[in-house]
N, C-alpha and C. Protein backbone atom coordinates (compact mmCIF):
# COMPACT_ATOMS: atom_id res chain seq x y z
N UNK A 1 96.25 115.52 83.81
CA UNK A 1 97.29 116.56 83.75
C UNK A 1 98.30 116.43 82.57
N UNK A 2 97.70 116.53 81.54
CA UNK A 2 98.35 116.20 80.18
C UNK A 2 99.64 117.15 80.09
N UNK A 3 100.78 116.64 79.34
CA UNK A 3 101.81 117.55 79.13
C UNK A 3 102.85 117.43 80.35
N UNK A 4 102.54 116.89 81.37
CA UNK A 4 103.44 116.77 82.52
C UNK A 4 104.13 115.44 82.53
N UNK A 5 105.16 115.21 83.00
CA UNK A 5 105.78 113.93 83.23
C UNK A 5 105.05 113.31 84.61
N UNK A 6 105.25 112.19 84.87
CA UNK A 6 104.56 111.50 85.88
C UNK A 6 105.30 112.26 87.21
N UNK A 7 106.67 112.28 87.24
CA UNK A 7 107.35 112.93 88.31
C UNK A 7 106.73 114.33 88.55
N UNK A 8 106.61 115.16 87.49
CA UNK A 8 105.94 116.44 87.70
C UNK A 8 104.58 116.44 88.27
N UNK A 9 103.79 115.37 87.81
CA UNK A 9 102.38 115.30 88.31
C UNK A 9 102.37 114.82 89.96
N UNK A 10 103.27 113.88 90.21
CA UNK A 10 103.25 113.68 91.48
C UNK A 10 103.81 114.77 92.56
N UNK A 11 104.79 115.38 91.99
CA UNK A 11 105.31 116.57 92.77
C UNK A 11 104.17 117.68 93.09
N UNK A 12 103.45 117.78 92.02
CA UNK A 12 102.28 118.79 92.00
C UNK A 12 101.18 118.32 92.93
N UNK A 13 100.94 117.08 92.99
CA UNK A 13 99.98 116.44 93.82
C UNK A 13 100.44 116.55 95.28
N UNK A 14 101.68 116.34 95.63
CA UNK A 14 102.20 116.47 96.89
C UNK A 14 102.40 117.90 97.48
N UNK A 15 102.47 118.82 96.43
CA UNK A 15 102.52 120.41 96.92
C UNK A 15 101.01 120.58 97.09
N UNK A 16 99.91 120.09 96.35
CA UNK A 16 98.60 120.44 96.50
C UNK A 16 98.15 119.84 97.96
N UNK A 17 98.56 118.60 98.22
CA UNK A 17 98.21 117.96 99.49
C UNK A 17 99.25 117.25 100.20
N UNK A 18 100.01 118.21 101.03
CA UNK A 18 101.09 117.55 101.59
C UNK A 18 100.77 116.51 102.76
N UNK A 19 99.43 116.34 103.09
CA UNK A 19 98.88 115.44 104.00
C UNK A 19 98.54 114.04 103.48
N UNK A 20 98.89 113.74 102.39
CA UNK A 20 98.59 112.48 101.83
C UNK A 20 99.10 111.36 102.72
N UNK A 21 98.32 110.44 103.12
CA UNK A 21 98.51 109.49 104.12
C UNK A 21 98.29 108.05 103.67
N UNK A 22 98.06 107.92 102.56
CA UNK A 22 97.77 106.45 102.04
C UNK A 22 97.98 106.41 100.53
N UNK A 23 98.53 105.26 99.99
CA UNK A 23 98.63 105.21 98.50
C UNK A 23 98.07 103.84 98.22
N UNK A 24 97.56 103.68 97.15
CA UNK A 24 96.95 102.42 96.84
C UNK A 24 96.89 102.39 95.11
N UNK A 25 96.82 101.16 94.58
CA UNK A 25 96.76 100.84 93.18
C UNK A 25 95.43 100.75 92.84
N UNK A 26 94.99 101.53 91.92
CA UNK A 26 93.52 101.55 91.45
C UNK A 26 93.31 101.31 89.85
N UNK A 27 92.25 101.03 89.59
CA UNK A 27 91.89 100.92 88.14
C UNK A 27 91.05 102.31 87.80
N UNK A 28 91.65 103.00 86.77
CA UNK A 28 90.90 104.14 86.23
C UNK A 28 90.36 103.98 85.03
N UNK A 29 89.17 104.37 84.87
CA UNK A 29 88.46 104.39 83.47
C UNK A 29 89.08 105.23 82.42
N UNK A 30 89.59 106.36 82.77
CA UNK A 30 90.31 107.31 81.73
C UNK A 30 91.83 106.76 81.66
N UNK A 31 91.96 106.11 80.49
CA UNK A 31 93.26 105.59 80.29
C UNK A 31 94.55 106.70 80.40
N UNK A 32 94.10 107.85 80.21
CA UNK A 32 95.17 108.96 80.17
C UNK A 32 95.65 109.51 81.55
N UNK A 33 94.78 109.00 82.56
CA UNK A 33 94.95 109.40 83.89
C UNK A 33 95.83 108.37 84.54
N UNK A 34 96.96 109.05 85.30
CA UNK A 34 97.81 107.99 85.96
C UNK A 34 97.43 108.16 87.51
N UNK A 35 97.12 109.32 87.93
CA UNK A 35 96.84 109.56 89.59
C UNK A 35 95.50 109.86 89.78
N UNK A 36 94.92 109.73 91.04
CA UNK A 36 93.86 110.33 91.45
C UNK A 36 93.88 110.71 92.86
N UNK A 37 93.52 111.73 93.38
CA UNK A 37 93.85 112.13 94.74
C UNK A 37 92.55 112.62 95.38
N UNK A 38 92.15 112.17 96.39
CA UNK A 38 90.98 112.28 97.19
C UNK A 38 91.00 112.01 98.68
N UNK A 39 90.55 112.94 99.54
CA UNK A 39 90.73 112.81 101.05
C UNK A 39 92.12 112.28 101.46
N UNK A 40 93.15 112.86 101.02
CA UNK A 40 94.50 112.54 101.44
C UNK A 40 94.79 111.16 101.00
N UNK A 41 94.26 110.66 99.97
CA UNK A 41 94.56 109.37 99.54
C UNK A 41 95.01 109.37 98.06
N UNK A 42 96.07 108.91 97.74
CA UNK A 42 96.56 108.94 96.31
C UNK A 42 96.50 107.53 95.79
N UNK A 43 95.66 107.48 94.49
CA UNK A 43 95.44 106.47 93.78
C UNK A 43 96.46 106.25 92.54
N UNK A 44 97.01 105.35 92.39
CA UNK A 44 98.06 105.04 91.14
C UNK A 44 97.39 104.14 90.31
N UNK A 45 97.20 104.59 89.03
CA UNK A 45 96.63 103.69 88.06
C UNK A 45 97.42 102.40 87.79
N UNK A 46 96.98 101.30 87.97
CA UNK A 46 97.63 100.03 87.74
C UNK A 46 98.17 100.02 86.29
N UNK A 47 97.49 100.38 85.48
CA UNK A 47 98.24 100.26 83.97
C UNK A 47 99.22 101.14 83.69
N UNK A 48 99.49 102.02 84.48
CA UNK A 48 100.59 103.10 84.48
C UNK A 48 101.87 102.80 85.06
N UNK A 49 101.61 101.84 86.04
CA UNK A 49 102.92 101.54 86.89
C UNK A 49 104.17 101.42 86.14
N UNK A 50 104.21 100.37 85.24
CA UNK A 50 105.69 100.32 84.59
C UNK A 50 106.09 101.73 83.96
N UNK A 51 105.24 102.27 83.33
CA UNK A 51 105.50 103.59 82.76
C UNK A 51 106.09 104.65 83.77
N UNK A 52 105.27 104.76 84.88
CA UNK A 52 105.78 105.72 85.91
C UNK A 52 107.16 105.25 86.51
N UNK A 53 107.31 104.02 86.67
CA UNK A 53 108.55 103.55 87.39
C UNK A 53 109.81 103.74 86.16
N UNK A 54 109.46 103.42 85.20
CA UNK A 54 110.66 103.74 83.94
C UNK A 54 110.95 105.19 83.99
N UNK A 55 109.93 106.00 83.83
CA UNK A 55 110.18 107.36 83.56
C UNK A 55 110.97 107.98 85.05
N UNK A 56 110.43 107.63 86.10
CA UNK A 56 111.01 108.22 87.31
C UNK A 56 112.57 107.69 87.39
N UNK A 57 112.70 106.42 87.11
CA UNK A 57 114.12 105.92 87.05
C UNK A 57 115.10 106.66 86.26
N UNK A 58 114.60 106.88 85.15
CA UNK A 58 115.49 107.61 84.11
C UNK A 58 115.75 109.08 84.69
N UNK A 59 114.79 109.61 85.18
CA UNK A 59 114.85 111.07 85.91
C UNK A 59 115.75 111.14 86.95
N UNK A 60 115.71 110.04 87.71
CA UNK A 60 116.47 109.87 89.02
C UNK A 60 118.02 109.82 88.54
N UNK A 61 118.37 109.07 87.58
CA UNK A 61 119.76 108.77 87.29
C UNK A 61 120.19 110.09 86.53
N UNK A 62 119.32 110.80 85.78
CA UNK A 62 119.70 111.92 85.19
C UNK A 62 120.07 113.00 86.21
N UNK A 63 119.07 113.21 87.13
CA UNK A 63 119.14 114.15 88.34
C UNK A 63 120.43 113.84 89.31
N UNK A 64 120.62 112.47 89.50
CA UNK A 64 121.77 112.19 90.09
C UNK A 64 123.19 112.50 89.55
N UNK A 65 123.14 112.32 88.23
CA UNK A 65 124.43 112.63 87.37
C UNK A 65 124.69 114.21 87.49
N UNK A 66 123.59 115.04 87.59
CA UNK A 66 123.75 116.47 87.61
C UNK A 66 123.69 117.09 88.96
N UNK A 67 123.71 116.21 90.11
CA UNK A 67 123.72 116.62 91.47
C UNK A 67 122.18 117.56 91.49
N UNK A 68 121.29 117.25 90.91
CA UNK A 68 120.17 118.19 90.95
C UNK A 68 119.22 117.59 92.23
N UNK A 69 119.43 118.21 93.27
CA UNK A 69 118.70 117.70 94.66
C UNK A 69 117.23 117.77 94.54
N UNK A 70 116.68 118.81 94.05
CA UNK A 70 115.04 118.68 93.88
C UNK A 70 114.70 117.49 92.91
N UNK A 71 115.38 117.48 91.82
CA UNK A 71 115.14 116.32 90.75
C UNK A 71 115.35 115.04 91.51
N UNK A 72 116.44 114.86 92.35
CA UNK A 72 116.52 113.55 93.11
C UNK A 72 115.38 113.05 94.08
N UNK A 73 114.93 114.24 94.75
CA UNK A 73 113.93 114.04 95.54
C UNK A 73 112.61 113.70 94.96
N UNK A 74 112.14 114.47 93.97
CA UNK A 74 110.99 114.27 93.32
C UNK A 74 111.00 112.87 92.49
N UNK A 75 112.01 112.64 91.71
CA UNK A 75 112.05 111.31 91.10
C UNK A 75 112.03 110.05 92.00
N UNK A 76 112.79 110.27 93.18
CA UNK A 76 112.94 108.98 94.08
C UNK A 76 111.47 108.83 94.69
N UNK A 77 110.84 109.99 95.15
CA UNK A 77 109.35 109.90 95.63
C UNK A 77 108.61 109.14 94.59
N UNK A 78 108.45 109.71 93.36
CA UNK A 78 107.74 109.12 92.47
C UNK A 78 107.89 107.48 92.24
N UNK A 79 109.37 107.12 92.20
CA UNK A 79 109.70 105.90 91.86
C UNK A 79 109.23 105.00 93.00
N UNK A 80 109.60 105.32 94.26
CA UNK A 80 109.40 104.43 95.44
C UNK A 80 107.95 104.25 95.67
N UNK A 81 107.03 105.14 95.31
CA UNK A 81 105.66 104.98 95.56
C UNK A 81 105.13 103.93 94.71
N UNK A 82 105.76 103.57 93.48
CA UNK A 82 105.31 102.37 92.74
C UNK A 82 106.11 101.21 92.91
N UNK A 83 107.40 101.33 93.27
CA UNK A 83 108.35 100.13 93.51
C UNK A 83 109.28 100.63 94.57
N UNK A 84 108.92 99.99 95.78
CA UNK A 84 109.56 100.41 97.05
C UNK A 84 110.94 99.68 97.13
N UNK A 85 111.21 98.65 96.52
CA UNK A 85 112.53 97.90 96.55
C UNK A 85 113.47 98.37 95.52
N UNK A 86 113.92 99.61 95.66
CA UNK A 86 115.02 100.11 94.92
C UNK A 86 115.96 100.80 95.84
N UNK A 87 117.10 99.96 96.35
CA UNK A 87 117.76 100.45 97.34
C UNK A 87 118.71 101.71 97.12
N UNK A 88 119.04 101.78 95.62
CA UNK A 88 119.81 102.91 95.30
C UNK A 88 119.19 104.09 95.64
N UNK A 89 117.67 104.39 95.28
CA UNK A 89 116.88 105.36 95.52
C UNK A 89 116.88 105.76 97.07
N UNK A 90 116.65 104.70 97.73
CA UNK A 90 116.61 104.99 99.23
C UNK A 90 118.00 105.61 99.94
N UNK A 91 119.04 105.02 99.28
CA UNK A 91 120.38 105.45 99.64
C UNK A 91 120.60 106.83 99.17
N UNK A 92 120.13 107.23 98.02
CA UNK A 92 120.19 108.86 97.62
C UNK A 92 119.37 109.59 98.49
N UNK A 93 118.29 109.31 98.89
CA UNK A 93 117.60 109.88 100.04
C UNK A 93 118.25 109.92 101.32
N UNK A 94 118.88 108.92 101.81
CA UNK A 94 119.68 108.88 103.06
C UNK A 94 120.89 109.82 102.99
N UNK A 95 121.44 110.06 101.83
CA UNK A 95 122.47 110.85 101.64
C UNK A 95 122.17 112.29 101.83
N UNK A 96 120.97 112.54 101.30
CA UNK A 96 120.32 114.01 101.29
C UNK A 96 119.96 114.27 102.83
N UNK A 97 119.44 113.39 103.55
CA UNK A 97 119.12 113.47 104.86
C UNK A 97 120.58 113.91 105.79
N UNK A 98 121.46 112.97 105.44
CA UNK A 98 122.67 113.27 106.12
C UNK A 98 123.34 114.67 105.84
N UNK A 99 123.12 115.09 104.70
CA UNK A 99 123.71 116.32 104.09
C UNK A 99 122.71 117.61 104.74
N UNK A 100 121.68 117.28 105.32
CA UNK A 100 120.72 118.31 105.92
C UNK A 100 119.87 119.00 105.03
N UNK A 101 119.58 118.31 103.87
CA UNK A 101 118.52 118.76 102.81
C UNK A 101 117.14 118.58 103.39
N UNK A 102 116.98 117.73 103.94
CA UNK A 102 115.56 117.52 104.60
C UNK A 102 115.59 116.67 105.99
N UNK A 103 114.66 116.73 106.73
CA UNK A 103 114.68 116.05 108.08
C UNK A 103 114.35 114.58 107.90
N UNK A 104 114.79 114.01 109.11
CA UNK A 104 114.56 112.54 109.29
C UNK A 104 113.02 112.33 109.44
N UNK A 105 112.34 113.46 110.04
CA UNK A 105 110.92 113.31 110.36
C UNK A 105 110.17 113.26 109.07
N UNK A 106 110.63 114.23 108.16
CA UNK A 106 109.88 114.15 106.77
C UNK A 106 110.15 112.79 106.14
N UNK A 107 111.20 112.27 106.12
CA UNK A 107 111.58 110.80 105.65
C UNK A 107 110.80 109.78 106.42
N UNK A 108 110.54 110.03 107.62
CA UNK A 108 109.87 108.90 108.29
C UNK A 108 108.39 108.93 107.97
N UNK A 109 107.79 110.25 107.65
CA UNK A 109 106.43 110.36 107.17
C UNK A 109 106.26 109.69 105.79
N UNK A 110 107.31 109.83 104.95
CA UNK A 110 107.39 109.42 103.44
C UNK A 110 107.36 107.74 103.69
N UNK A 111 108.28 107.21 104.40
CA UNK A 111 108.25 105.72 104.55
C UNK A 111 106.95 105.24 104.99
N UNK A 112 106.35 105.87 106.17
CA UNK A 112 105.05 105.39 106.49
C UNK A 112 104.03 105.31 105.28
N UNK A 113 104.11 106.36 104.41
CA UNK A 113 103.23 106.35 103.23
C UNK A 113 103.62 105.26 102.31
N UNK A 114 104.90 105.05 102.11
CA UNK A 114 105.08 103.92 101.20
C UNK A 114 104.81 102.65 101.73
N UNK A 115 104.97 102.51 102.98
CA UNK A 115 104.55 101.17 103.60
C UNK A 115 103.04 100.93 103.53
N UNK A 116 102.28 101.96 103.41
CA UNK A 116 100.88 101.71 103.23
C UNK A 116 100.53 100.84 101.93
N UNK A 117 101.38 100.94 100.93
CA UNK A 117 101.10 100.00 99.73
C UNK A 117 102.20 98.94 99.66
N UNK A 118 103.38 99.02 100.15
CA UNK A 118 104.39 98.16 100.20
C UNK A 118 104.77 97.53 101.61
N UNK A 119 103.85 97.10 102.21
CA UNK A 119 104.26 96.75 103.84
C UNK A 119 105.35 95.61 103.82
N UNK A 120 105.71 94.92 102.82
CA UNK A 120 106.74 93.88 102.96
C UNK A 120 107.95 94.19 102.44
N UNK A 121 108.21 95.58 102.01
CA UNK A 121 109.25 95.98 101.26
C UNK A 121 110.52 95.99 102.30
N UNK A 122 111.48 95.01 101.98
CA UNK A 122 112.61 94.89 102.74
C UNK A 122 113.41 96.20 102.65
N UNK A 123 113.58 96.80 101.56
CA UNK A 123 114.46 98.06 101.34
C UNK A 123 113.77 99.03 102.14
N UNK A 124 112.63 99.37 102.22
CA UNK A 124 111.90 100.27 102.87
C UNK A 124 112.15 100.11 104.44
N UNK A 125 111.98 99.09 104.90
CA UNK A 125 112.24 98.79 106.37
C UNK A 125 113.65 98.98 106.70
N UNK A 126 114.57 98.51 105.75
CA UNK A 126 115.98 98.76 106.03
C UNK A 126 116.27 100.23 106.21
N UNK A 127 115.74 100.97 105.15
CA UNK A 127 116.01 102.45 105.32
C UNK A 127 115.34 103.18 106.46
N UNK A 128 114.33 102.73 106.92
CA UNK A 128 113.59 103.33 108.03
C UNK A 128 114.44 103.15 109.22
């Protein structure tokens, strides 16, 4: 999906398949690809993880400064999929739940997904 940011690409993939139930780190032969989606499983290219995290983190802080709720949700989703131990992102999501932006059921589904790859993430368990 050339031309899109990693956050936009993850957002698109979740829009296309809202039933994604597992994530994993994979090796992709095409160095230009960051994600692969098949059978409700999302593969994240190992080589792209640092760039995905960096870009999502920058987009998160920009969205947070602008109080851009969709931007916060999309950036934190992308960032937490590759690095679950970022308490500031979890707290931003918790604030949005408290403000009624989305339900705790939706967040429980997301935390279950994150835990498929980051089972020992203290921040994820604390948020849950």
